[in-house]
């Protein structure tokens, strides 16, 4: 509807001989002020040679005469439903044009929700486009921690936004499988005895053993030159793929870590189409950097660097003096593999915000090798998470692992709802965590407060899950009384705030997809849930003697569907009952 109005107003400007201008059509903060407010008259008045209110009056008159908005368009130019789309147009303040949509429009939007069901809210914005999303890339042999959980929540939602906008979407991960840190862990594992892994029964126990090896290996590396030499030797064997006990120990640990990663991310609602490993990207990146030296890169004191200062950035080393590719060269290799393997139109990458400047340098260099690598890449960032409340902080310590965090959330839910199944406790805890991450604008730090994040009242994921369950419960209760939803609006129906929000869903998801910002969807769902729960609290929805009851039930069903669809985009599961 928003784009339809924009197109109609643009046509009116052209008809009036006014040059195109950049104007906005927004939803007023107060629903009483109409459904849309447009500033076109204030923006275009000077070009029209008149004052804003006079121009607004002319545009208003044209809008009222437009057949497409009155519902009798015979040319198929937008509105061929035969319904009046606009009920009222008013001029406000210095020249705003406030537009109130018609009851027929709102009724049609309810019918569309019933027709489209799980597809309601989708669009063709990215139809025909291939979108590649990289997220949740773990450092093998190190814990999958809270930073990875934030990365996962944002990356999964970005992928689902692309999917909802019609893109062919592929999700990948880029595990760090070769590094000096991994060499340290493998050294300690070999010193302790790799066979000890076979004595542990659970995956968690094996991971804890490998984590201990990482800590002990790091300590020994810092304290002994002999260990330093041995660790570097082990790391080289791993990088070169040299057969032997070092590679065997590494392979065993890698398989355990990957299994844990897949288990944990599946618990969070993610699966991956492919993995591109750092070891693979390193070899490709080193070759590309050497081939482009001195054309793009420069030799300096035995290393190969990119002089970013020439682009207003900073210099970074791509191949070190020992002849090994750095993270920068590996990311060049990663870009090459991504575009060769998937040929994306858009390649989105999610990282911590502290890597912003780093990626500016990498993409600057990459763009000189292949312009597509830079032009088609989108770098998205997230902040850090801290924990509010002494109890939460003391239970989690410094940087908690994902397993520790989800375990604490499971216990917190159990304290509030002991009768819930383990599956439901997990679902609620993950919803609380993900929604806290996704309702904030990208890049901002987050303070997780279990009191508000796990609440069934307020701005939380569980609140939305509960609202959806409430809708289901109302519909089930109505069925028991032989009442069913009816999408035909009864005579005398007064449009509610719920209807004035429901139709916005496709617009909200499209906005989120255009900007890769899930918070638009999260905040919209909260606004809708508040309006619905207010409606529920002030209205007798199930009443066999009230002719309005079936249409009220249609609204209940529509709200449940829209919340379900919106939470899917956020990567949050919706229980049928709570």
Protein backbone atom coordinates (compact mmCIF):
# COMPACT_ATOMS: atom_id res chain seq x y z
CA UNK A 1 0.00 0.00 0.00
CA UNK A 2 2.83 2.37 0.86
CA UNK A 3 4.46 1.91 -2.54
CA UNK A 4 1.09 2.16 -4.26
CA UNK A 5 0.52 5.54 -2.59
CA UNK A 6 4.03 6.66 -3.50
CA UNK A 7 3.46 5.73 -7.14
CA UNK A 8 0.08 7.51 -7.20
CA UNK A 9 1.47 10.72 -5.66
CA UNK A 10 4.46 10.65 -8.02
CA UNK A 11 2.04 10.45 -10.96
CA UNK A 12 0.15 13.46 -9.59
CA UNK A 13 3.36 15.50 -9.36
CA UNK A 14 4.15 14.62 -12.96
CA UNK A 15 0.64 15.61 -14.03
CA UNK A 16 1.11 18.96 -12.28
CA UNK A 17 4.41 19.50 -14.07
CA UNK A 18 6.45 19.34 -10.86
CA UNK A 19 9.92 17.80 -11.02
CA UNK A 20 10.39 14.58 -9.02
CA UNK A 21 11.25 15.06 -5.35
CA UNK A 22 12.29 12.74 -2.55
CA UNK A 23 9.34 12.62 -0.16
CA UNK A 24 8.41 10.33 2.72
CA UNK A 25 5.28 8.34 3.52
CA UNK A 26 5.34 7.20 7.12
CA UNK A 27 2.98 5.81 9.72
CA UNK A 28 2.04 8.49 12.30
CA UNK A 29 3.06 7.66 15.86
CA UNK A 30 -0.57 8.00 16.92
CA UNK A 31 -2.98 5.70 15.09
CA UNK A 32 -5.69 8.36 15.58
CA UNK A 33 -3.81 10.60 13.15
CA UNK A 34 -4.44 8.23 10.25
CA UNK A 35 -2.59 5.37 8.65
CA UNK A 36 -0.07 7.36 6.59
CA UNK A 37 1.41 10.85 6.75
CA UNK A 38 3.09 12.27 3.64
CA UNK A 39 5.36 15.34 3.48
CA UNK A 40 5.33 15.68 -0.33
CA UNK A 41 3.70 19.13 -0.30
CA UNK A 42 6.36 20.58 1.98
CA UNK A 43 9.18 19.08 -0.07
CA UNK A 44 7.78 20.06 -3.49
CA UNK A 45 6.18 23.46 -2.70
CA UNK A 46 9.19 25.54 -3.72
CA UNK A 47 9.50 23.78 -7.09
CA UNK A 48 5.74 24.24 -7.59
CA UNK A 49 5.99 27.96 -6.82
CA UNK A 50 3.38 27.84 -4.07
CA UNK A 51 3.12 27.27 -0.31
CA UNK A 52 2.90 23.77 1.16
CA UNK A 53 -0.74 23.92 2.29
CA UNK A 54 -1.93 25.14 -1.10
CA UNK A 55 -0.02 22.37 -2.86
CA UNK A 56 -1.33 19.84 -0.31
CA UNK A 57 -4.90 20.92 -1.17
CA UNK A 58 -4.27 20.36 -4.88
CA UNK A 59 -2.73 16.92 -4.27
CA UNK A 60 -5.57 16.02 -1.90
CA UNK A 61 -8.14 16.86 -4.57
CA UNK A 62 -6.28 14.77 -7.14
CA UNK A 63 -6.07 11.84 -4.74
CA UNK A 64 -9.79 12.00 -4.05
CA UNK A 65 -10.48 11.94 -7.79
CA UNK A 66 -8.09 9.06 -8.54
CA UNK A 67 -10.05 6.02 -9.70
CA UNK A 68 -7.40 3.64 -8.41
CA UNK A 69 -8.05 4.78 -4.85
CA UNK A 70 -11.83 4.95 -5.21
CA UNK A 71 -11.99 1.30 -6.26
CA UNK A 72 -13.37 1.62 -9.79
CA UNK A 73 -10.14 1.35 -11.74
CA UNK A 74 -10.88 -0.47 -14.97
CA UNK A 75 -7.37 -0.29 -16.32
CA UNK A 76 -5.76 -2.73 -13.91
CA UNK A 77 -3.40 -0.02 -12.64
CA UNK A 78 -2.99 -1.13 -9.08
CA UNK A 79 -6.42 -1.45 -7.50
CA UNK A 80 -8.73 -3.71 -9.46
CA UNK A 81 -10.49 -5.13 -6.41
CA UNK A 82 -13.46 -2.81 -6.67
CA UNK A 83 -12.84 -1.72 -3.05
CA UNK A 84 -12.44 1.83 -1.87
CA UNK A 85 -8.90 2.05 -0.49
CA UNK A 86 -9.01 5.43 1.25
CA UNK A 87 -11.68 6.61 3.63
CA UNK A 88 -10.36 10.07 4.45
CA UNK A 89 -7.59 12.50 3.45
CA UNK A 90 -6.77 15.54 5.58
CA UNK A 91 -4.20 18.32 5.64
CA UNK A 92 -2.41 18.73 8.97
CA UNK A 93 0.03 21.31 10.33
CA UNK A 94 2.16 23.13 7.76
CA UNK A 95 1.14 20.81 4.93
CA UNK A 96 1.27 17.15 5.90
CA UNK A 97 -1.21 14.97 4.03
CA UNK A 98 -2.74 12.45 6.43
CA UNK A 99 -4.39 9.41 4.86
CA UNK A 100 -6.86 7.10 6.58
CA UNK A 101 -7.48 3.78 4.89
CA UNK A 102 -11.00 2.41 4.39
CA UNK A 103 -12.77 -0.42 6.23
CA UNK A 104 -12.90 -2.28 2.90
CA UNK A 105 -9.11 -2.10 2.70
CA UNK A 106 -8.68 -3.52 6.21
CA UNK A 107 -11.19 -6.29 5.52
CA UNK A 108 -9.29 -7.20 2.37
CA UNK A 109 -6.03 -7.35 4.34
CA UNK A 110 -7.60 -9.88 6.76
CA UNK A 111 -8.74 -11.97 3.79
CA UNK A 112 -5.19 -11.84 2.39
CA UNK A 113 -3.76 -13.14 5.67
CA UNK A 114 -6.22 -16.06 5.61
CA UNK A 115 -5.36 -16.80 1.98
CA UNK A 116 -1.56 -16.50 2.22
CA UNK A 117 -1.20 -18.09 5.68
CA UNK A 118 2.49 -18.94 6.28
CA UNK A 119 3.47 -16.91 3.20
CA UNK A 120 1.87 -13.70 4.46
CA UNK A 121 4.52 -10.99 4.74
CA UNK A 122 6.73 -12.32 1.94
CA UNK A 123 7.63 -10.18 -1.06
CA UNK A 124 9.41 -10.25 -4.40
CA UNK A 125 11.98 -7.64 -3.35
CA UNK A 126 14.92 -10.03 -3.92
CA UNK A 127 13.22 -12.41 -6.33
CA UNK A 128 15.73 -13.95 -8.72
CA UNK A 129 18.66 -12.97 -6.49
CA UNK A 130 21.11 -15.37 -4.89
CA UNK A 131 21.95 -14.35 -1.33
CA UNK A 132 24.78 -15.98 0.60
CA UNK A 133 24.90 -15.48 4.38
CA UNK A 134 27.94 -16.42 6.46
CA UNK A 135 27.50 -16.54 10.23
CA UNK A 136 28.33 -18.45 13.43
CA UNK A 137 31.87 -19.22 12.27
CA UNK A 138 33.54 -21.06 15.18
CA UNK A 139 37.14 -21.26 16.33
CA UNK A 140 37.64 -25.00 16.58
CA UNK A 141 39.19 -26.25 19.83
CA UNK A 142 37.78 -23.14 21.59
CA UNK A 143 34.36 -22.87 23.26
CA UNK A 144 31.28 -21.80 21.28
CA UNK A 145 30.49 -18.75 23.41
CA UNK A 146 27.95 -15.95 23.80
CA UNK A 147 29.50 -13.94 20.95
CA UNK A 148 28.77 -16.83 18.60
CA UNK A 149 25.17 -16.94 19.88
CA UNK A 150 24.70 -13.25 19.05
CA UNK A 151 26.26 -13.81 15.64
CA UNK A 152 23.99 -16.81 15.08
CA UNK A 153 20.80 -14.94 16.03
CA UNK A 154 21.52 -12.05 13.69
CA UNK A 155 22.86 -14.16 10.83
CA UNK A 156 19.94 -16.59 10.91
CA UNK A 157 17.42 -13.75 10.92
CA UNK A 158 19.20 -11.94 8.06
CA UNK A 159 19.05 -15.16 6.03
CA UNK A 160 15.34 -15.53 6.75
CA UNK A 161 14.70 -11.89 5.82
CA UNK A 162 16.36 -12.60 2.46
CA UNK A 163 14.30 -15.76 2.06
CA UNK A 164 11.10 -13.85 2.89
CA UNK A 165 12.02 -11.26 0.25
CA UNK A 166 12.12 -13.98 -2.40
CA UNK A 167 15.86 -14.64 -2.59
CA UNK A 168 17.46 -18.02 -3.15
CA UNK A 169 19.29 -18.09 0.17
CA UNK A 170 22.30 -20.17 1.20
CA UNK A 171 23.82 -20.21 4.68
CA UNK A 172 27.44 -21.15 5.28
CA UNK A 173 29.96 -21.10 8.11
CA UNK A 174 33.71 -20.43 8.04
CA UNK A 175 35.32 -22.50 10.82
CA UNK A 176 38.83 -21.58 11.93
CA UNK A 177 40.47 -24.99 11.68
CA UNK A 178 44.16 -24.06 11.57
CA UNK A 179 45.99 -21.61 13.80
CA UNK A 180 48.74 -21.35 16.38
CA UNK A 181 46.03 -21.65 19.05
CA UNK A 182 44.91 -25.00 17.63
CA UNK A 183 48.56 -26.10 17.55
CA UNK A 184 48.80 -25.34 21.28
CA UNK A 185 45.70 -27.42 22.01
CA UNK A 186 46.93 -30.35 19.90
CA UNK A 187 50.32 -30.24 21.67
CA UNK A 188 48.67 -30.45 25.10
CA UNK A 189 46.30 -33.16 23.87
CA UNK A 190 49.23 -35.26 22.68
CA UNK A 191 51.15 -34.66 25.93
CA UNK A 192 48.16 -35.79 28.00
CA UNK A 193 47.38 -38.65 25.64
CA UNK A 194 44.92 -38.47 22.75
CA UNK A 195 43.57 -41.88 23.75
CA UNK A 196 42.08 -40.21 26.84
CA UNK A 197 39.32 -38.88 24.60
CA UNK A 198 38.01 -42.44 24.24
CA UNK A 199 37.45 -42.66 28.01
CA UNK A 200 34.78 -39.97 27.93
CA UNK A 201 31.22 -41.00 27.12
CA UNK A 202 29.55 -37.68 26.33
CA UNK A 203 30.32 -35.03 23.74
CA UNK A 204 30.33 -32.41 26.50
CA UNK A 205 33.02 -34.27 28.46
CA UNK A 206 35.21 -34.57 25.35
CA UNK A 207 34.82 -30.86 24.69
CA UNK A 208 35.77 -29.98 28.24
CA UNK A 209 38.90 -32.09 27.87
CA UNK A 210 39.85 -30.30 24.63
CA UNK A 211 39.12 -26.94 26.29
CA UNK A 212 41.47 -27.82 29.12
CA UNK A 213 44.11 -28.79 26.55
CA UNK A 214 43.76 -25.37 24.92
CA UNK A 215 44.30 -23.59 28.25
CA UNK A 216 47.25 -25.79 29.25
CA UNK A 217 48.82 -25.55 25.80
CA UNK A 218 48.59 -21.77 25.82
CA UNK A 219 50.21 -21.58 29.26
CA UNK A 220 53.05 -23.94 28.30
CA UNK A 221 53.64 -22.03 25.05
CA UNK A 222 54.07 -18.77 26.96
CA UNK A 223 56.48 -20.33 29.46
CA UNK A 224 58.77 -22.51 27.33
CA UNK A 225 60.80 -21.83 24.18
CA UNK A 226 60.98 -25.57 23.61
CA UNK A 227 57.19 -25.80 23.61
CA UNK A 228 57.00 -22.78 21.27
CA UNK A 229 59.20 -24.59 18.76
CA UNK A 230 57.19 -27.80 19.02
CA UNK A 231 53.81 -26.01 18.70
CA UNK A 232 54.97 -24.18 15.58
CA UNK A 233 56.10 -27.52 14.15
CA UNK A 234 52.69 -29.10 14.93
CA UNK A 235 50.88 -26.13 13.41
CA UNK A 236 52.93 -26.47 10.20
CA UNK A 237 52.13 -30.20 10.00
CA UNK A 238 48.42 -29.37 10.34
CA UNK A 239 48.57 -26.58 7.76
CA UNK A 240 50.48 -28.72 5.26
CA UNK A 241 48.36 -31.83 5.95
CA UNK A 242 51.43 -33.90 6.83
CA UNK A 243 50.48 -37.43 7.86
CA UNK A 244 51.43 -38.40 11.39
CA UNK A 245 50.28 -38.40 15.04
CA UNK A 246 49.90 -34.58 15.02
CA UNK A 247 47.41 -34.68 12.14
CA UNK A 248 45.61 -37.68 13.69
CA UNK A 249 45.13 -35.86 17.01
CA UNK A 250 44.02 -32.71 15.21
CA UNK A 251 41.53 -34.60 13.03
CA UNK A 252 39.97 -36.32 16.04
CA UNK A 253 39.57 -33.00 17.87
CA UNK A 254 38.22 -31.25 14.78
CA UNK A 255 35.50 -33.86 14.28
CA UNK A 256 34.42 -33.56 17.93
CA UNK A 257 34.26 -29.77 17.72
CA UNK A 258 32.31 -29.78 14.46
CA UNK A 259 29.80 -32.25 15.87
CA UNK A 260 29.33 -30.00 18.90
CA UNK A 261 28.99 -26.92 16.68
CA UNK A 262 26.31 -28.55 14.55
CA UNK A 263 24.46 -29.80 17.64
CA UNK A 264 24.52 -26.38 19.30
CA UNK A 265 23.51 -24.38 16.22
CA UNK A 266 20.72 -26.85 15.46
CA UNK A 267 19.46 -26.26 19.00
CA UNK A 268 19.45 -22.55 18.16
CA UNK A 269 17.51 -23.23 14.95
CA UNK A 270 20.26 -23.10 12.32
CA UNK A 271 21.59 -25.49 9.73
CA UNK A 272 24.35 -24.87 7.18
CA UNK A 273 24.52 -25.72 3.51
CA UNK A 274 28.30 -25.78 3.50
CA UNK A 275 31.49 -25.15 5.45
CA UNK A 276 34.48 -23.31 3.99
CA UNK A 277 37.48 -24.01 6.22
CA UNK A 278 40.18 -21.51 7.06
CA UNK A 279 42.83 -24.02 5.99
CA UNK A 280 41.29 -24.18 2.51
CA UNK A 281 40.87 -20.41 2.26
CA UNK A 282 44.46 -19.85 3.40
CA UNK A 283 45.97 -21.76 0.50
CA UNK A 284 43.72 -20.01 -2.04
CA UNK A 285 44.33 -16.59 -0.48
CA UNK A 286 48.10 -16.98 -0.37
CA UNK A 287 48.16 -17.86 -4.08
CA UNK A 288 45.98 -14.85 -5.00
CA UNK A 289 48.05 -12.41 -2.92
CA UNK A 290 51.34 -13.61 -4.41
CA UNK A 291 49.88 -13.41 -7.94
CA UNK A 292 48.86 -9.80 -7.30
CA UNK A 293 52.20 -8.66 -5.91
CA UNK A 294 53.43 -6.02 -6.70
CA UNK A 295 50.36 -4.97 -8.70
CA UNK A 296 48.13 -4.62 -5.60
CA UNK A 297 50.23 -5.83 -2.68
CA UNK A 298 53.76 -4.77 -1.71
CA UNK A 299 56.77 -6.64 -0.34
CA UNK A 300 58.05 -5.17 2.93
CA UNK A 301 60.77 -6.62 5.21
CA UNK A 302 60.11 -10.14 3.97
CA UNK A 303 56.33 -9.84 4.35
CA UNK A 304 53.62 -8.92 1.83
CA UNK A 305 51.39 -6.01 2.82
CA UNK A 306 48.50 -3.97 1.51
CA UNK A 307 49.11 -0.24 1.84
CA UNK A 308 45.66 0.80 2.95
CA UNK A 309 46.74 4.39 3.59
CA UNK A 310 46.42 5.00 -0.14
CA UNK A 311 42.67 4.42 0.31
CA UNK A 312 42.38 6.37 3.57
CA UNK A 313 42.60 3.17 5.61
CA UNK A 314 45.57 1.49 7.28
CA UNK A 315 48.26 -0.97 6.23
CA UNK A 316 47.83 -4.66 7.02
CA UNK A 317 50.04 -7.71 6.54
CA UNK A 318 48.61 -10.38 4.20
CA UNK A 319 51.56 -12.81 4.17
CA UNK A 320 53.91 -12.70 7.15
CA UNK A 321 57.71 -12.79 7.12
CA UNK A 322 57.61 -16.56 7.73
CA UNK A 323 55.75 -16.97 4.44
CA UNK A 324 52.33 -17.88 5.90
CA UNK A 325 49.00 -16.24 4.96
CA UNK A 326 47.49 -14.08 7.69
CA UNK A 327 43.76 -13.76 8.45
CA UNK A 328 43.65 -11.03 5.79
CA UNK A 329 44.92 -13.32 3.03
CA UNK A 330 42.63 -16.10 4.24
CA UNK A 331 39.65 -13.75 3.89
CA UNK A 332 40.72 -12.99 0.32
CA UNK A 333 40.74 -16.75 -0.29
CA UNK A 334 37.34 -17.05 1.38
CA UNK A 335 35.87 -14.41 -0.93
CA UNK A 336 37.29 -16.19 -3.96
CA UNK A 337 35.83 -19.54 -2.87
CA UNK A 338 32.45 -17.98 -2.02
CA UNK A 339 32.03 -16.34 -5.40
CA UNK A 340 33.38 -19.32 -7.36
CA UNK A 341 31.23 -21.84 -5.51
CA UNK A 342 27.98 -19.92 -5.02
CA UNK A 343 28.10 -16.94 -7.44
CA UNK A 344 25.99 -14.76 -5.10
CA UNK A 345 24.35 -11.48 -6.06
CA UNK A 346 24.70 -10.49 -2.41
CA UNK A 347 27.20 -11.98 0.04
CA UNK A 348 26.39 -11.03 3.65
CA UNK A 349 28.88 -11.54 6.46
CA UNK A 350 28.12 -11.11 10.18
CA UNK A 351 30.93 -10.27 12.63
CA UNK A 352 31.65 -8.44 15.86
CA UNK A 353 31.60 -4.65 15.39
CA UNK A 354 35.30 -4.44 16.32
CA UNK A 355 36.14 -5.96 12.93
CA UNK A 356 34.68 -3.05 10.96
CA UNK A 357 38.00 -1.37 10.17
CA UNK A 358 39.67 -4.70 9.45
CA UNK A 359 37.06 -5.58 6.81
CA UNK A 360 37.29 -2.17 5.19
CA UNK A 361 40.94 -2.96 4.39
CA UNK A 362 40.21 -6.54 3.26
CA UNK A 363 37.35 -5.44 0.98
CA UNK A 364 39.38 -2.54 -0.37
CA UNK A 365 42.11 -4.96 -1.47
CA UNK A 366 39.56 -7.53 -2.64
CA UNK A 367 37.81 -4.98 -4.84
CA UNK A 368 41.02 -4.35 -6.75
CA UNK A 369 41.39 -8.07 -7.45
CA UNK A 370 37.75 -8.61 -8.41
CA UNK A 371 35.27 -5.69 -8.13
CA UNK A 372 32.38 -8.12 -7.46
CA UNK A 373 34.02 -9.30 -4.26
CA UNK A 374 33.66 -5.82 -2.80
CA UNK A 375 30.56 -4.51 -4.57
CA UNK A 376 28.41 -7.53 -3.77
CA UNK A 377 29.58 -7.97 -0.17
CA UNK A 378 27.63 -6.66 2.81
CA UNK A 379 29.36 -6.53 6.19
CA UNK A 380 26.95 -6.62 9.15
CA UNK A 381 28.07 -6.22 12.74
CA UNK A 382 26.84 -6.86 16.26
CA UNK A 383 27.87 -5.55 19.66
CA UNK A 384 28.66 -7.38 22.90
CA UNK A 385 26.36 -8.85 25.51
CA UNK A 386 26.56 -8.30 29.25
CA UNK A 387 24.29 -9.62 31.97
CA UNK A 388 22.16 -7.65 34.39
CA UNK A 389 21.64 -8.87 37.90
CA UNK A 390 24.14 -10.33 40.36
CA UNK A 391 22.61 -13.79 40.22
CA UNK A 392 22.94 -14.05 36.44
CA UNK A 393 26.45 -12.63 36.39
CA UNK A 394 27.73 -14.89 39.15
CA UNK A 395 26.27 -18.01 37.54
CA UNK A 396 27.78 -17.23 34.14
CA UNK A 397 31.14 -15.69 35.00
CA UNK A 398 33.12 -13.76 32.38
CA UNK A 399 32.46 -15.03 28.86
CA UNK A 400 29.98 -17.91 29.13
CA UNK A 401 29.82 -20.72 26.61
CA UNK A 402 26.61 -21.16 24.63
CA UNK A 403 25.89 -24.39 26.52
CA UNK A 404 26.31 -22.67 29.91
CA UNK A 405 24.06 -19.78 28.89
CA UNK A 406 21.30 -22.00 27.52
CA UNK A 407 21.54 -24.17 30.63
CA UNK A 408 21.08 -21.18 32.91
CA UNK A 409 18.14 -19.95 30.82
CA UNK A 410 16.56 -23.41 30.99
CA UNK A 411 16.86 -23.32 34.79
CA UNK A 412 15.49 -19.76 34.97
CA UNK A 413 12.41 -20.81 32.98
CA UNK A 414 12.00 -23.87 35.21
CA UNK A 415 11.92 -21.63 38.31
CA UNK A 416 9.03 -19.70 36.75
CA UNK A 417 7.21 -22.65 35.16
CA UNK A 418 8.21 -25.99 36.65
CA UNK A 419 5.44 -27.86 34.82
CA UNK A 420 6.76 -26.97 31.35
CA UNK A 421 8.41 -29.74 29.35
CA UNK A 422 12.17 -29.54 28.80
CA UNK A 423 11.50 -28.79 25.13
CA UNK A 424 9.24 -25.86 26.03
CA UNK A 425 11.72 -24.53 28.62
CA UNK A 426 14.42 -24.54 25.97
CA UNK A 427 12.10 -22.90 23.44
CA UNK A 428 11.19 -20.10 25.85
CA UNK A 429 14.78 -19.51 26.98
CA UNK A 430 16.08 -19.30 23.41
CA UNK A 431 13.21 -16.97 22.46
CA UNK A 432 14.12 -14.68 25.35
CA UNK A 433 17.77 -14.60 24.32
CA UNK A 434 17.22 -14.16 20.58
CA UNK A 435 14.57 -11.48 20.94
CA UNK A 436 16.78 -9.46 23.29
CA UNK A 437 19.50 -9.54 20.63
CA UNK A 438 17.25 -8.85 17.65
CA UNK A 439 15.08 -6.05 19.02
CA UNK A 440 18.16 -3.81 19.29
CA UNK A 441 19.60 -1.98 16.31
CA UNK A 442 22.61 -3.72 14.76
CA UNK A 443 25.99 -2.99 16.34
CA UNK A 444 24.68 -1.96 19.75
CA UNK A 445 25.81 -3.59 22.98
CA UNK A 446 23.12 -5.49 24.87
CA UNK A 447 22.47 -5.98 28.56
CA UNK A 448 20.55 -9.22 29.04
CA UNK A 449 18.14 -9.02 31.98
CA UNK A 450 16.38 -12.33 32.73
CA UNK A 451 13.62 -10.55 34.70
CA UNK A 452 12.40 -8.67 31.62
CA UNK A 453 13.66 -10.96 28.85
CA UNK A 454 11.89 -14.04 30.25
CA UNK A 455 8.71 -12.19 31.20
CA UNK A 456 5.37 -13.08 29.65
CA UNK A 457 4.49 -9.40 29.92
CA UNK A 458 6.45 -6.70 28.12
CA UNK A 459 8.94 -6.47 25.30
CA UNK A 460 10.12 -10.08 25.17
CA UNK A 461 10.18 -13.17 23.01
CA UNK A 462 8.17 -15.21 25.55
CA UNK A 463 5.52 -12.45 25.56
CA UNK A 464 5.09 -12.94 21.81
CA UNK A 465 5.06 -16.72 22.18
CA UNK A 466 2.41 -16.39 24.89
CA UNK A 467 0.30 -14.05 22.73
CA UNK A 468 0.39 -16.60 19.91
CA UNK A 469 -0.61 -19.36 22.35
CA UNK A 470 -3.43 -17.15 23.64
CA UNK A 471 -4.75 -16.80 20.09
CA UNK A 472 -4.73 -20.59 19.69
CA UNK A 473 -6.47 -21.07 23.02
CA UNK A 474 -9.23 -18.61 22.08
CA UNK A 475 -9.81 -20.33 18.74
CA UNK A 476 -9.94 -23.74 20.43
CA UNK A 477 -12.42 -22.48 23.02
CA UNK A 478 -14.56 -21.01 20.23
CA UNK A 479 -14.54 -24.33 18.35
CA UNK A 480 -15.86 -26.05 21.46
CA UNK A 481 -18.78 -23.60 21.36
CA UNK A 482 -19.29 -24.19 17.61
CA UNK A 483 -18.01 -20.72 16.72
CA UNK A 484 -15.64 -20.24 13.80
CA UNK A 485 -13.84 -17.23 12.31
CA UNK A 486 -15.65 -15.39 9.53
CA UNK A 487 -13.60 -13.05 7.33
CA UNK A 488 -16.61 -11.09 6.09
CA UNK A 489 -16.76 -7.80 7.98
CA UNK A 490 -20.18 -7.34 9.65
CA UNK A 491 -22.24 -4.15 9.29
CA UNK A 492 -21.41 -1.56 11.91
CA UNK A 493 -17.91 -2.86 12.56
CA UNK A 494 -15.52 -0.22 13.94
CA UNK A 495 -11.90 -0.62 12.79
CA UNK A 496 -9.58 -1.56 15.65
CA UNK A 497 -5.92 -0.78 16.32
CA UNK A 498 -5.22 -4.45 15.63
CA UNK A 499 -6.38 -4.11 12.02
CA UNK A 500 -4.43 -0.88 11.62
CA UNK A 501 -1.27 -2.87 12.42
CA UNK A 502 -1.87 -6.26 10.80
CA UNK A 503 -1.69 -5.03 7.19
CA UNK A 504 1.79 -3.52 7.79
CA UNK A 505 3.52 -6.90 8.07
CA UNK A 506 4.72 -7.17 4.40
CA UNK A 507 5.95 -3.58 4.51
CA UNK A 508 7.86 -4.20 7.75
CA UNK A 509 9.59 -7.34 6.50
CA UNK A 510 10.50 -5.61 3.24
CA UNK A 511 12.01 -2.72 5.21
CA UNK A 512 13.99 -5.20 7.29
CA UNK A 513 15.22 -7.00 4.17
CA UNK A 514 16.23 -3.78 2.39
CA UNK A 515 18.41 -2.73 5.32
CA UNK A 516 19.32 -6.16 6.76
CA UNK A 517 17.80 -5.06 10.07
CA UNK A 518 15.71 -7.64 11.98
CA UNK A 519 14.84 -5.12 14.71
CA UNK A 520 12.10 -3.66 12.48
CA UNK A 521 10.27 -7.00 12.62
CA UNK A 522 10.88 -7.48 16.35
CA UNK A 523 9.53 -4.08 17.33
CA UNK A 524 6.54 -4.38 15.00
CA UNK A 525 5.55 -7.69 16.60
CA UNK A 526 5.64 -6.14 20.06
CA UNK A 527 3.42 -3.26 18.91
CA UNK A 528 0.95 -5.73 17.38
CA UNK A 529 0.93 -7.97 20.47
CA UNK A 530 0.28 -4.99 22.75
CA UNK A 531 -2.64 -3.86 20.58
CA UNK A 532 -4.08 -7.36 20.50
CA UNK A 533 -3.77 -7.95 24.24
CA UNK A 534 -5.44 -4.59 24.88
CA UNK A 535 -8.23 -5.63 22.49
CA UNK A 536 -8.49 -8.97 24.29
CA UNK A 537 -8.66 -7.28 27.70
CA UNK A 538 -11.40 -4.89 26.68
CA UNK A 539 -13.54 -7.12 24.47
CA UNK A 540 -15.65 -10.20 24.96
CA UNK A 541 -14.36 -12.12 21.99
CA UNK A 542 -16.34 -15.37 22.35
CA UNK A 543 -20.07 -14.66 22.53
CA UNK A 544 -22.53 -16.97 20.74
CA UNK A 545 -25.20 -14.27 20.76
CA UNK A 546 -23.05 -11.51 19.21
CA UNK A 547 -22.98 -11.22 15.40
CA UNK A 548 -19.57 -9.56 15.69
CA UNK A 549 -17.98 -12.61 17.37
CA UNK A 550 -17.02 -14.52 14.18
CA UNK A 551 -15.17 -11.50 12.78
CA UNK A 552 -13.43 -10.95 16.11
CA UNK A 553 -12.25 -14.57 15.87
CA UNK A 554 -10.97 -13.82 12.36
CA UNK A 555 -8.84 -11.06 13.89
CA UNK A 556 -7.60 -13.48 16.56
CA UNK A 557 -6.60 -15.98 13.88
CA UNK A 558 -4.90 -13.27 11.80
CA UNK A 559 -2.89 -12.04 14.79
CA UNK A 560 -1.74 -15.57 15.60
CA UNK A 561 -0.67 -16.10 11.99
CA UNK A 562 1.23 -12.82 11.73
CA UNK A 563 3.05 -13.35 15.03
CA UNK A 564 4.00 -16.87 13.95
CA UNK A 565 5.28 -15.61 10.58
CA UNK A 566 7.20 -12.75 12.18
CA UNK A 567 8.83 -14.97 14.79
CA UNK A 568 9.89 -17.36 12.04
CA UNK A 569 11.76 -14.49 10.39
CA UNK A 570 13.48 -13.88 13.74
CA UNK A 571 14.41 -17.54 14.02
CA UNK A 572 12.16 -18.07 17.06
CA UNK A 573 10.01 -21.17 17.46
CA UNK A 574 6.37 -20.80 18.42
CA UNK A 575 4.74 -23.32 20.77
CA UNK A 576 1.11 -24.07 20.04
CA UNK A 577 0.28 -24.04 23.76
CA UNK A 578 1.89 -22.53 26.85
